[in-house]
């Protein structure tokens, strides 16, 4: 699930609106692995344990 927030500002207050939406996480991870983007990001999406070294 992806999330983002929209902040509406007026003179008296700030109103947040949190947006959440589903997306094909595994497909995104697979496409990352096929691309030049480091595989670290695919692992991060899958919540895998990551090794710094």
Protein backbone atom coordinates (compact mmCIF):
# COMPACT_ATOMS: atom_id res chain seq x y z
CA UNK A 1 0.00 0.00 0.00
CA UNK A 2 1.29 3.44 -0.88
CA UNK A 3 0.48 6.52 1.19
CA UNK A 4 0.84 10.23 0.77
CA UNK A 5 -0.60 13.32 2.39
CA UNK A 6 -2.16 16.46 0.97
CA UNK A 7 -1.92 19.48 3.21
CA UNK A 8 -4.49 22.22 2.75
CA UNK A 9 -3.34 25.52 4.22
CA UNK A 10 -5.52 28.46 5.03
CA UNK A 11 -5.07 31.47 7.26
CA UNK A 12 -6.33 29.70 10.38
CA UNK A 13 -5.39 26.05 10.09
CA UNK A 14 -3.60 23.23 8.29
CA UNK A 15 -5.79 20.31 7.26
CA UNK A 16 -4.12 17.01 6.36
CA UNK A 17 -5.72 14.45 4.07
CA UNK A 18 -4.03 11.03 4.05
CA UNK A 19 -4.40 9.10 0.81
CA UNK A 20 -3.72 5.36 0.68
CA UNK A 21 -3.88 3.13 -2.36
CA UNK A 22 -3.02 -0.42 -3.27
CA UNK A 23 -0.56 -1.17 -6.03
CA UNK A 24 1.06 -4.35 -7.41
CA UNK A 25 4.04 -4.38 -5.04
CA UNK A 26 5.58 -7.62 -6.33
CA UNK A 27 5.35 -6.47 -9.95
CA UNK A 28 7.03 -3.18 -9.01
CA UNK A 29 9.80 -5.09 -7.20
CA UNK A 30 10.33 -7.33 -10.25
CA UNK A 31 10.52 -4.33 -12.57
CA UNK A 32 13.08 -2.71 -10.26
CA UNK A 33 15.19 -5.87 -10.46
CA UNK A 34 15.07 -5.74 -14.28
CA UNK A 35 16.11 -2.09 -14.32
CA UNK A 36 19.28 -0.22 -13.43
CA UNK A 37 17.76 0.76 -10.07
CA UNK A 38 19.68 -0.97 -7.25
CA UNK A 39 17.98 -4.20 -6.10
CA UNK A 40 18.12 -2.79 -2.57
CA UNK A 41 14.87 -0.98 -3.36
CA UNK A 42 13.09 -4.17 -4.46
CA UNK A 43 14.18 -5.84 -1.22
CA UNK A 44 13.02 -2.81 0.75
CA UNK A 45 9.56 -3.04 -0.83
CA UNK A 46 9.37 -6.70 0.10
CA UNK A 47 10.47 -5.88 3.66
CA UNK A 48 13.41 -8.25 3.37
CA UNK A 49 16.30 -8.06 5.79
CA UNK A 50 18.91 -5.84 4.20
CA UNK A 51 22.64 -6.10 4.64
CA UNK A 52 24.71 -2.94 4.43
CA UNK A 53 27.76 -4.93 3.35
